[in-house]
């Protein structure tokens, strides 16, 4: 008999299903926002509506320009899954104040995927704080659930001289073989 999964695991599995729509060449990322035990928004990493994505173009501009992982997002064609979920909630007039965000992240390598630690970039982290989200829940590279209190991020940032010194940061290295694709 299978073990009953927690609600956090359940919503993270749904975020994993949302990640299937990702059209980034490097990662599959899906986001689910839950409020009062109800899914109120989803998002995946992908190009803005009605524009061409990297899959359609056949290359990633950040890889071509050897942009260091975790930086230069303004050069990326994609909108992050977290951003898309927040934007989708706004499009429907849904407040995210008091909600929880679930993020699944996996690194793509051809047809294979390997889980990596799901964590927001600095820009997404700021959006999550301003949206009023309470908790950020993500997978780790072993598939375990990792839970962060958004209020802890706010308190940590009160003592930092520069937000770039944040103790937890998103980082995924591109593999050498695919660096210039």
N, C-alpha and C. Protein backbone atom coordinates (compact mmCIF):
# COMPACT_ATOMS: atom_id res chain seq x y z
N UNK A 1 0.84 -1.18 0.00
CA UNK A 1 0.00 0.00 0.00
C UNK A 1 0.89 1.24 0.00
N UNK A 2 0.54 2.21 -0.83
CA UNK A 2 1.37 3.41 -0.94
C UNK A 2 1.13 4.38 0.21
N UNK A 3 2.16 5.12 0.53
CA UNK A 3 2.11 6.10 1.60
C UNK A 3 1.33 7.33 1.13
N UNK A 4 0.51 7.86 2.00
CA UNK A 4 -0.23 9.08 1.69
C UNK A 4 0.75 10.25 1.67
N UNK A 5 0.68 11.07 0.62
CA UNK A 5 1.60 12.20 0.53
C UNK A 5 1.00 13.43 1.22
N UNK A 6 1.88 14.32 1.64
CA UNK A 6 1.44 15.55 2.29
C UNK A 6 0.87 16.51 1.25
N UNK A 7 0.19 17.55 1.72
CA UNK A 7 -0.33 18.57 0.80
C UNK A 7 0.81 19.27 0.08
N UNK A 8 1.92 19.52 0.78
CA UNK A 8 3.06 20.15 0.13
C UNK A 8 3.57 19.27 -1.02
N UNK A 9 3.69 17.97 -0.79
CA UNK A 9 4.13 17.05 -1.84
C UNK A 9 3.13 17.02 -3.00
N UNK A 10 1.85 17.04 -2.67
CA UNK A 10 0.77 17.04 -3.67
C UNK A 10 0.88 18.24 -4.60
N UNK A 11 0.97 19.44 -4.02
CA UNK A 11 1.04 20.65 -4.83
C UNK A 11 2.36 20.73 -5.60
N UNK A 12 3.43 20.20 -5.04
CA UNK A 12 4.70 20.16 -5.74
C UNK A 12 4.64 19.22 -6.95
N UNK A 13 3.90 18.12 -6.81
CA UNK A 13 3.70 17.20 -7.94
C UNK A 13 2.90 17.89 -9.06
N UNK A 14 1.93 18.71 -8.67
CA UNK A 14 1.16 19.47 -9.67
C UNK A 14 2.09 20.47 -10.37
N UNK A 15 2.97 21.13 -9.60
CA UNK A 15 3.94 22.05 -10.20
C UNK A 15 4.85 21.30 -11.18
N UNK A 16 5.19 20.06 -10.86
CA UNK A 16 6.00 19.24 -11.77
C UNK A 16 5.25 19.00 -13.08
N UNK A 17 3.95 18.78 -12.98
CA UNK A 17 3.14 18.58 -14.19
C UNK A 17 3.07 19.88 -15.00
N UNK A 18 2.96 21.01 -14.34
CA UNK A 18 2.94 22.31 -15.03
C UNK A 18 4.26 22.53 -15.78
N UNK A 19 5.37 22.06 -15.20
CA UNK A 19 6.69 22.24 -15.81
C UNK A 19 6.79 21.59 -17.19
N UNK A 20 5.93 20.65 -17.50
CA UNK A 20 5.94 19.99 -18.81
C UNK A 20 5.76 21.01 -19.94
N UNK A 21 5.06 22.10 -19.67
CA UNK A 21 4.83 23.14 -20.67
C UNK A 21 6.04 24.04 -20.90
N UNK A 22 7.05 23.96 -20.05
CA UNK A 22 8.23 24.83 -20.17
C UNK A 22 8.84 24.73 -21.56
N UNK A 23 9.21 25.89 -22.12
CA UNK A 23 9.85 25.85 -23.42
C UNK A 23 11.25 26.46 -23.39
N UNK A 24 11.88 26.41 -22.21
CA UNK A 24 13.27 26.78 -22.05
C UNK A 24 14.13 25.58 -22.45
N UNK A 25 15.26 25.84 -23.07
CA UNK A 25 16.15 24.75 -23.48
C UNK A 25 16.93 24.17 -22.31
N UNK A 26 17.08 24.93 -21.22
CA UNK A 26 17.91 24.51 -20.09
C UNK A 26 17.15 23.86 -18.95
N UNK A 27 15.97 24.37 -18.67
CA UNK A 27 15.25 23.91 -17.48
C UNK A 27 13.78 23.69 -17.74
N UNK A 28 13.20 22.83 -16.93
CA UNK A 28 11.75 22.63 -16.88
C UNK A 28 11.33 23.13 -15.51
N UNK A 29 10.54 24.20 -15.49
CA UNK A 29 10.13 24.80 -14.23
C UNK A 29 8.62 25.04 -14.26
N UNK A 30 7.96 24.59 -13.21
CA UNK A 30 6.52 24.81 -13.07
C UNK A 30 6.22 25.39 -11.71
N UNK A 31 5.23 26.27 -11.67
CA UNK A 31 4.87 26.95 -10.44
C UNK A 31 3.36 26.85 -10.21
N UNK A 32 3.00 26.62 -8.98
CA UNK A 32 1.60 26.59 -8.56
C UNK A 32 1.47 27.49 -7.34
N UNK A 33 0.47 28.37 -7.35
CA UNK A 33 0.21 29.21 -6.19
C UNK A 33 -1.11 28.75 -5.58
N UNK A 34 -1.07 28.52 -4.27
CA UNK A 34 -2.20 27.97 -3.53
C UNK A 34 -2.61 28.94 -2.43
N UNK A 35 -3.90 29.18 -2.35
CA UNK A 35 -4.44 30.03 -1.28
C UNK A 35 -5.67 29.34 -0.71
N UNK A 36 -5.71 29.22 0.60
CA UNK A 36 -6.83 28.54 1.26
C UNK A 36 -7.05 27.15 0.69
N UNK A 37 -5.96 26.43 0.46
CA UNK A 37 -5.98 25.05 -0.05
C UNK A 37 -6.66 24.94 -1.42
N UNK A 38 -6.52 25.99 -2.23
CA UNK A 38 -7.08 26.01 -3.58
C UNK A 38 -6.04 26.60 -4.53
N UNK A 39 -5.84 25.95 -5.66
CA UNK A 39 -4.91 26.48 -6.66
C UNK A 39 -5.53 27.73 -7.28
N UNK A 40 -4.81 28.85 -7.17
CA UNK A 40 -5.33 30.11 -7.71
C UNK A 40 -4.57 30.56 -8.95
N UNK A 41 -3.39 29.99 -9.21
CA UNK A 41 -2.63 30.37 -10.39
C UNK A 41 -1.52 29.35 -10.65
N UNK A 42 -1.13 29.27 -11.91
CA UNK A 42 0.00 28.44 -12.31
C UNK A 42 0.85 29.23 -13.29
N UNK A 43 2.07 28.77 -13.49
CA UNK A 43 2.95 29.37 -14.48
C UNK A 43 4.10 28.43 -14.78
N UNK A 44 4.65 28.56 -15.95
CA UNK A 44 5.83 27.79 -16.33
C UNK A 44 6.81 28.73 -16.99
N UNK A 45 8.06 28.32 -17.11
CA UNK A 45 9.06 29.16 -17.74
C UNK A 45 8.84 29.13 -19.25
N UNK A 46 8.68 30.32 -19.82
CA UNK A 46 8.44 30.39 -21.25
C UNK A 46 8.40 31.82 -21.75
N UNK A 47 8.48 31.96 -23.05
CA UNK A 47 8.47 33.28 -23.69
C UNK A 47 7.13 33.97 -23.48
N UNK A 48 7.10 35.30 -23.55
CA UNK A 48 5.83 36.02 -23.41
C UNK A 48 4.81 35.55 -24.44
N UNK A 49 3.56 35.69 -24.10
CA UNK A 49 2.47 35.27 -24.98
C UNK A 49 2.69 35.79 -26.41
N UNK A 50 2.41 34.93 -27.36
CA UNK A 50 2.42 35.24 -28.79
C UNK A 50 3.80 35.61 -29.34
N UNK A 51 4.87 35.24 -28.61
CA UNK A 51 6.22 35.48 -29.13
C UNK A 51 6.92 34.14 -29.29
N UNK A 52 8.01 34.13 -30.03
CA UNK A 52 8.77 32.90 -30.25
C UNK A 52 9.60 32.57 -29.02
N UNK A 53 9.65 31.28 -28.70
CA UNK A 53 10.47 30.84 -27.57
C UNK A 53 11.76 30.21 -28.08
N UNK A 54 12.65 29.88 -27.16
CA UNK A 54 13.97 29.32 -27.52
C UNK A 54 13.85 27.98 -28.25
N UNK A 55 12.85 27.20 -27.89
CA UNK A 55 12.64 25.91 -28.56
C UNK A 55 12.33 26.15 -30.03
N UNK A 56 11.48 27.13 -30.32
CA UNK A 56 11.14 27.46 -31.70
C UNK A 56 12.34 28.06 -32.43
N UNK A 57 13.13 28.88 -31.74
CA UNK A 57 14.31 29.49 -32.35
C UNK A 57 15.45 28.49 -32.54
N UNK A 58 15.51 27.51 -31.62
CA UNK A 58 16.56 26.50 -31.69
C UNK A 58 17.85 26.88 -30.98
N UNK A 59 17.83 27.95 -30.23
CA UNK A 59 19.01 28.35 -29.46
C UNK A 59 18.61 29.23 -28.29
N UNK A 60 19.56 29.35 -27.35
CA UNK A 60 19.38 30.21 -26.18
C UNK A 60 20.38 31.35 -26.28
N UNK A 61 19.90 32.58 -26.27
CA UNK A 61 20.78 33.75 -26.40
C UNK A 61 21.75 33.84 -25.23
N UNK A 62 21.32 33.47 -24.02
CA UNK A 62 22.20 33.56 -22.85
C UNK A 62 23.36 32.57 -22.98
N UNK A 63 23.08 31.40 -23.50
CA UNK A 63 24.16 30.42 -23.71
C UNK A 63 25.11 30.91 -24.79
N UNK A 64 24.55 31.44 -25.88
CA UNK A 64 25.41 31.95 -26.96
C UNK A 64 26.36 33.03 -26.46
N UNK A 65 25.87 33.85 -25.55
CA UNK A 65 26.68 34.96 -25.03
C UNK A 65 27.45 34.59 -23.77
N UNK A 66 27.41 33.29 -23.38
CA UNK A 66 28.11 32.81 -22.18
C UNK A 66 27.76 33.62 -20.93
N UNK A 67 26.49 33.93 -20.78
CA UNK A 67 26.03 34.66 -19.61
C UNK A 67 26.06 33.73 -18.41
N UNK A 68 26.68 34.16 -17.33
CA UNK A 68 26.81 33.36 -16.12
C UNK A 68 25.42 33.04 -15.55
N UNK A 69 25.23 31.79 -15.15
CA UNK A 69 23.97 31.38 -14.54
C UNK A 69 23.68 32.26 -13.34
N UNK A 70 22.40 32.62 -13.19
CA UNK A 70 21.98 33.45 -12.07
C UNK A 70 22.11 34.94 -12.35
N UNK A 71 22.57 35.30 -13.55
CA UNK A 71 22.72 36.72 -13.92
C UNK A 71 22.16 36.95 -15.32
N UNK A 72 22.03 38.21 -15.69
CA UNK A 72 21.68 38.59 -17.06
C UNK A 72 20.32 38.13 -17.53
N UNK A 73 19.35 38.06 -16.62
CA UNK A 73 18.03 37.57 -17.02
C UNK A 73 17.33 38.48 -18.03
N UNK A 74 17.74 39.73 -18.09
CA UNK A 74 17.12 40.64 -19.06
C UNK A 74 17.44 40.20 -20.49
N UNK A 75 18.46 39.37 -20.68
CA UNK A 75 18.82 38.85 -22.00
C UNK A 75 18.01 37.60 -22.37
N UNK A 76 17.32 37.02 -21.42
CA UNK A 76 16.56 35.79 -21.64
C UNK A 76 15.22 36.08 -22.31
N UNK A 77 14.82 35.24 -23.25
CA UNK A 77 13.52 35.38 -23.90
C UNK A 77 12.38 34.96 -22.97
N UNK A 78 12.68 34.12 -22.00
CA UNK A 78 11.64 33.55 -21.15
C UNK A 78 11.26 34.44 -19.97
N UNK A 79 10.05 34.23 -19.53
CA UNK A 79 9.56 34.79 -18.27
C UNK A 79 9.61 33.62 -17.28
N UNK A 80 10.12 33.86 -16.10
CA UNK A 80 10.25 32.79 -15.11
C UNK A 80 8.88 32.28 -14.68
N UNK A 81 8.84 31.03 -14.28
CA UNK A 81 7.58 30.39 -13.87
C UNK A 81 6.91 31.15 -12.73
N UNK A 82 7.72 31.60 -11.75
CA UNK A 82 7.18 32.35 -10.62
C UNK A 82 6.52 33.63 -11.09
N UNK A 83 7.21 34.34 -11.99
CA UNK A 83 6.67 35.58 -12.54
C UNK A 83 5.38 35.32 -13.30
N UNK A 84 5.39 34.28 -14.15
CA UNK A 84 4.19 33.96 -14.92
C UNK A 84 3.01 33.62 -14.01
N UNK A 85 3.25 32.90 -12.92
CA UNK A 85 2.16 32.57 -11.99
C UNK A 85 1.62 33.83 -11.33
N UNK A 86 2.51 34.74 -10.93
CA UNK A 86 2.07 36.00 -10.32
C UNK A 86 1.31 36.84 -11.34
N UNK A 87 1.82 36.92 -12.56
CA UNK A 87 1.16 37.67 -13.63
C UNK A 87 -0.20 37.07 -13.96
N UNK A 88 -0.27 35.74 -14.05
CA UNK A 88 -1.56 35.08 -14.35
C UNK A 88 -2.59 35.36 -13.27
N UNK A 89 -2.16 35.41 -12.02
CA UNK A 89 -3.09 35.75 -10.93
C UNK A 89 -3.59 37.18 -11.11
N UNK A 90 -2.69 38.09 -11.46
CA UNK A 90 -3.09 39.49 -11.66
C UNK A 90 -4.06 39.62 -12.83
N UNK A 91 -3.84 38.87 -13.89
CA UNK A 91 -4.73 38.93 -15.06
C UNK A 91 -6.16 38.52 -14.70
N UNK A 92 -6.29 37.64 -13.71
CA UNK A 92 -7.62 37.20 -13.30
C UNK A 92 -8.14 37.97 -12.08
N UNK A 93 -7.35 38.92 -11.59
CA UNK A 93 -7.78 39.73 -10.45
C UNK A 93 -7.71 39.00 -9.12
N UNK A 94 -6.79 38.04 -9.00
CA UNK A 94 -6.68 37.23 -7.79
C UNK A 94 -5.58 37.76 -6.88
N UNK A 95 -5.92 38.05 -5.64
CA UNK A 95 -4.93 38.48 -4.66
C UNK A 95 -4.12 37.26 -4.21
N UNK A 96 -2.83 37.46 -4.07
CA UNK A 96 -1.96 36.38 -3.61
C UNK A 96 -1.55 36.57 -2.15
N UNK A 97 -2.09 37.58 -1.53
CA UNK A 97 -1.74 37.87 -0.14
C UNK A 97 -2.10 36.68 0.74
N UNK A 98 -1.09 36.11 1.41
CA UNK A 98 -1.30 34.96 2.28
C UNK A 98 -1.22 33.62 1.59
N UNK A 99 -0.86 33.60 0.32
CA UNK A 99 -0.79 32.35 -0.45
C UNK A 99 0.57 31.67 -0.24
N UNK A 100 0.67 30.44 -0.72
CA UNK A 100 1.91 29.68 -0.75
C UNK A 100 2.28 29.42 -2.21
N UNK A 101 3.58 29.45 -2.51
CA UNK A 101 4.06 29.19 -3.86
C UNK A 101 4.83 27.87 -3.86
N UNK A 102 4.54 27.03 -4.85
CA UNK A 102 5.20 25.74 -5.03
C UNK A 102 5.93 25.77 -6.37
N UNK A 103 7.22 25.43 -6.33
CA UNK A 103 8.04 25.49 -7.54
C UNK A 103 8.78 24.18 -7.73
N UNK A 104 8.60 23.61 -8.91
CA UNK A 104 9.36 22.42 -9.30
C UNK A 104 10.39 22.84 -10.34
N UNK A 105 11.64 22.39 -10.17
CA UNK A 105 12.70 22.73 -11.10
C UNK A 105 13.54 21.51 -11.44
N UNK A 106 13.75 21.31 -12.73
CA UNK A 106 14.62 20.23 -13.22
C UNK A 106 15.48 20.77 -14.35
N UNK A 107 16.68 20.27 -14.43
CA UNK A 107 17.63 20.62 -15.48
C UNK A 107 17.38 19.71 -16.66
N UNK A 108 17.29 20.27 -17.87
CA UNK A 108 17.09 19.47 -19.08
C UNK A 108 18.44 19.08 -19.67
N UNK A 109 18.53 17.84 -20.11
CA UNK A 109 19.70 17.35 -20.82
C UNK A 109 19.16 16.43 -21.91
N UNK A 110 18.87 17.01 -23.06
CA UNK A 110 18.23 16.25 -24.13
C UNK A 110 16.82 15.87 -23.70
N UNK A 111 16.52 14.57 -23.78
CA UNK A 111 15.20 14.08 -23.37
C UNK A 111 15.15 13.76 -21.88
N UNK A 112 16.30 13.84 -21.20
CA UNK A 112 16.35 13.52 -19.78
C UNK A 112 16.25 14.78 -18.94
N UNK A 113 15.75 14.59 -17.72
CA UNK A 113 15.69 15.68 -16.75
C UNK A 113 16.28 15.20 -15.44
N UNK A 114 16.93 16.11 -14.74
CA UNK A 114 17.41 15.81 -13.40
C UNK A 114 17.00 16.96 -12.49
N UNK A 115 16.43 16.60 -11.36
CA UNK A 115 15.96 17.61 -10.43
C UNK A 115 17.14 18.42 -9.89
N UNK A 116 16.91 19.70 -9.72
CA UNK A 116 17.88 20.59 -9.07
C UNK A 116 17.14 21.32 -7.96
N UNK A 117 17.87 21.96 -7.09
CA UNK A 117 17.24 22.70 -6.00
C UNK A 117 16.40 23.84 -6.56
N UNK A 118 15.10 23.79 -6.29
CA UNK A 118 14.18 24.83 -6.75
C UNK A 118 14.30 26.03 -5.82
N UNK A 119 14.65 27.15 -6.41
CA UNK A 119 14.82 28.36 -5.61
C UNK A 119 14.68 29.56 -6.55
N UNK A 120 14.04 30.64 -6.09
CA UNK A 120 13.84 31.78 -6.99
C UNK A 120 15.10 32.61 -7.19
N UNK A 121 15.20 33.22 -8.37
CA UNK A 121 16.27 34.19 -8.59
C UNK A 121 15.96 35.43 -7.75
N UNK A 122 16.89 36.35 -7.69
CA UNK A 122 16.73 37.55 -6.86
C UNK A 122 15.51 38.37 -7.29
N UNK A 123 15.30 38.52 -8.59
CA UNK A 123 14.15 39.29 -9.07
C UNK A 123 12.83 38.61 -8.69
N UNK A 124 12.74 37.30 -8.88
CA UNK A 124 11.52 36.58 -8.50
C UNK A 124 11.30 36.64 -7.00
N UNK A 125 12.38 36.54 -6.25
CA UNK A 125 12.28 36.61 -4.79
C UNK A 125 11.65 37.93 -4.36
N UNK A 126 12.05 39.03 -4.99
CA UNK A 126 11.47 40.34 -4.67
C UNK A 126 9.99 40.38 -5.04
N UNK A 127 9.63 39.77 -6.17
CA UNK A 127 8.22 39.74 -6.58
C UNK A 127 7.39 38.90 -5.61
N UNK A 128 7.94 37.80 -5.16
CA UNK A 128 7.25 36.93 -4.21
C UNK A 128 6.97 37.68 -2.91
N UNK A 129 7.97 38.41 -2.43
CA UNK A 129 7.80 39.22 -1.22
C UNK A 129 6.70 40.25 -1.43
N UNK A 130 6.77 41.01 -2.53
CA UNK A 130 5.79 42.07 -2.76
C UNK A 130 4.39 41.56 -3.05
N UNK A 131 4.27 40.33 -3.53
CA UNK A 131 2.94 39.75 -3.78
C UNK A 131 2.25 39.34 -2.49
N UNK A 132 3.00 39.29 -1.38
CA UNK A 132 2.40 38.91 -0.09
C UNK A 132 2.33 37.42 0.12
N UNK A 133 3.16 36.66 -0.57
CA UNK A 133 3.17 35.21 -0.43
C UNK A 133 3.83 34.84 0.89
N UNK A 134 3.25 33.84 1.59
CA UNK A 134 3.76 33.43 2.91
C UNK A 134 4.92 32.46 2.86
N UNK A 135 4.75 31.39 2.05
CA UNK A 135 5.75 30.33 2.01
C UNK A 135 6.15 30.05 0.58
N UNK A 136 7.42 29.67 0.43
CA UNK A 136 7.93 29.18 -0.84
C UNK A 136 8.30 27.72 -0.61
N UNK A 137 7.75 26.83 -1.42
CA UNK A 137 7.99 25.40 -1.28
C UNK A 137 8.56 24.89 -2.60
N UNK A 138 9.72 24.24 -2.53
CA UNK A 138 10.35 23.73 -3.73
C UNK A 138 10.94 22.36 -3.51
N UNK A 139 11.33 21.73 -4.61
CA UNK A 139 11.99 20.43 -4.53
C UNK A 139 13.49 20.64 -4.36
N UNK A 140 14.17 19.63 -3.83
CA UNK A 140 15.63 19.65 -3.86
C UNK A 140 16.08 18.64 -4.91
N UNK A 141 17.39 18.51 -5.11
CA UNK A 141 17.91 17.65 -6.17
C UNK A 141 17.57 16.18 -5.96
N UNK A 142 17.22 15.81 -4.71
CA UNK A 142 16.84 14.43 -4.42
C UNK A 142 15.33 14.23 -4.45
N UNK A 143 14.58 15.27 -4.76
CA UNK A 143 13.13 15.18 -4.83
C UNK A 143 12.43 15.46 -3.51
N UNK A 144 13.17 15.84 -2.49
CA UNK A 144 12.56 16.17 -1.20
C UNK A 144 11.96 17.57 -1.23
N UNK A 145 11.05 17.81 -0.31
CA UNK A 145 10.40 19.12 -0.19
C UNK A 145 11.26 20.04 0.66
N UNK A 146 11.46 21.26 0.17
CA UNK A 146 12.17 22.31 0.92
C UNK A 146 11.21 23.47 1.13
N UNK A 147 11.09 23.92 2.36
CA UNK A 147 10.12 24.97 2.69
C UNK A 147 10.86 26.19 3.24
N UNK A 148 10.51 27.35 2.70
CA UNK A 148 11.09 28.62 3.15
C UNK A 148 9.97 29.56 3.57
N UNK A 149 10.21 30.29 4.64
CA UNK A 149 9.29 31.34 5.06
C UNK A 149 9.70 32.63 4.36
N UNK A 150 8.79 33.24 3.63
CA UNK A 150 9.09 34.49 2.94
C UNK A 150 9.42 35.58 3.96
N UNK A 151 8.79 35.53 5.12
CA UNK A 151 9.08 36.50 6.17
C UNK A 151 10.55 36.39 6.62
N UNK A 152 11.11 35.19 6.62
CA UNK A 152 12.53 35.02 6.95
C UNK A 152 13.41 35.75 5.94
N UNK A 153 13.03 35.70 4.64
CA UNK A 153 13.79 36.43 3.63
C UNK A 153 13.78 37.93 3.94
N UNK A 154 12.60 38.44 4.27
CA UNK A 154 12.47 39.87 4.58
C UNK A 154 13.36 40.23 5.76
N UNK A 155 13.31 39.43 6.81
CA UNK A 155 14.14 39.71 7.99
C UNK A 155 15.63 39.62 7.68
N UNK A 156 16.04 38.63 6.86
CA UNK A 156 17.44 38.52 6.46
C UNK A 156 17.88 39.77 5.70
N UNK A 157 17.03 40.25 4.82
CA UNK A 157 17.39 41.38 3.97
C UNK A 157 17.48 42.69 4.75
N UNK A 158 16.87 42.75 5.91
CA UNK A 158 16.96 43.96 6.73
C UNK A 158 18.39 44.20 7.20
N UNK A 159 19.20 43.14 7.26
CA UNK A 159 20.57 43.28 7.76
C UNK A 159 21.63 43.27 6.66
N UNK A 160 21.23 43.01 5.41
CA UNK A 160 22.21 42.96 4.31
C UNK A 160 22.47 44.35 3.76
N UNK A 161 23.73 44.62 3.54
CA UNK A 161 24.10 45.88 2.89
C UNK A 161 23.72 45.83 1.42
N UNK A 162 23.86 44.66 0.80
CA UNK A 162 23.57 44.48 -0.62
C UNK A 162 22.81 43.16 -0.79
N UNK A 163 21.66 43.21 -1.46
CA UNK A 163 20.85 42.00 -1.64
C UNK A 163 21.59 40.93 -2.43
N UNK A 164 22.60 41.32 -3.19
CA UNK A 164 23.39 40.34 -3.93
C UNK A 164 24.17 39.42 -2.99
N UNK A 165 24.25 39.78 -1.72
CA UNK A 165 24.93 38.95 -0.72
C UNK A 165 23.96 37.98 -0.04
N UNK A 166 22.79 37.83 -0.59
CA UNK A 166 21.78 36.93 -0.04
C UNK A 166 22.39 35.55 0.20
N UNK A 167 22.10 34.96 1.36
CA UNK A 167 22.75 33.68 1.71
C UNK A 167 22.30 32.52 0.84
N UNK A 168 21.05 32.54 0.35
CA UNK A 168 20.55 31.50 -0.54
C UNK A 168 20.34 32.12 -1.91
N UNK A 169 20.93 31.52 -2.93
CA UNK A 169 20.78 32.06 -4.27
C UNK A 169 20.56 30.94 -5.28
N UNK A 170 19.82 31.28 -6.33
CA UNK A 170 19.60 30.34 -7.42
C UNK A 170 20.85 30.27 -8.27
N UNK A 171 21.24 29.06 -8.67
CA UNK A 171 22.36 28.89 -9.57
C UNK A 171 22.25 27.54 -10.27
N UNK A 172 22.35 27.55 -11.59
CA UNK A 172 22.43 26.32 -12.36
C UNK A 172 23.50 26.52 -13.41
N UNK A 173 24.52 25.67 -13.42
CA UNK A 173 25.59 25.79 -14.39
C UNK A 173 25.19 25.11 -15.69
N UNK A 174 25.50 25.73 -16.81
CA UNK A 174 25.27 25.10 -18.12
C UNK A 174 26.35 24.06 -18.35
N UNK A 175 25.97 22.95 -18.93
CA UNK A 175 26.99 21.95 -19.23
C UNK A 175 27.77 22.40 -20.47
N UNK A 176 29.05 22.07 -20.51
CA UNK A 176 29.94 22.55 -21.57
C UNK A 176 29.46 22.16 -22.97
N UNK A 177 28.94 20.95 -23.11
CA UNK A 177 28.53 20.47 -24.43
C UNK A 177 27.47 21.35 -25.05
N UNK A 178 26.54 21.87 -24.21
CA UNK A 178 25.41 22.65 -24.75
C UNK A 178 25.58 24.15 -24.54
N UNK A 179 26.72 24.59 -24.07
CA UNK A 179 26.91 26.00 -23.72
C UNK A 179 26.58 26.95 -24.86
N UNK A 180 26.92 26.63 -26.08
CA UNK A 180 26.75 27.57 -27.20
C UNK A 180 25.50 27.31 -28.03
N UNK A 181 24.59 26.52 -27.54
CA UNK A 181 23.35 26.25 -28.29
C UNK A 181 22.31 27.30 -27.98
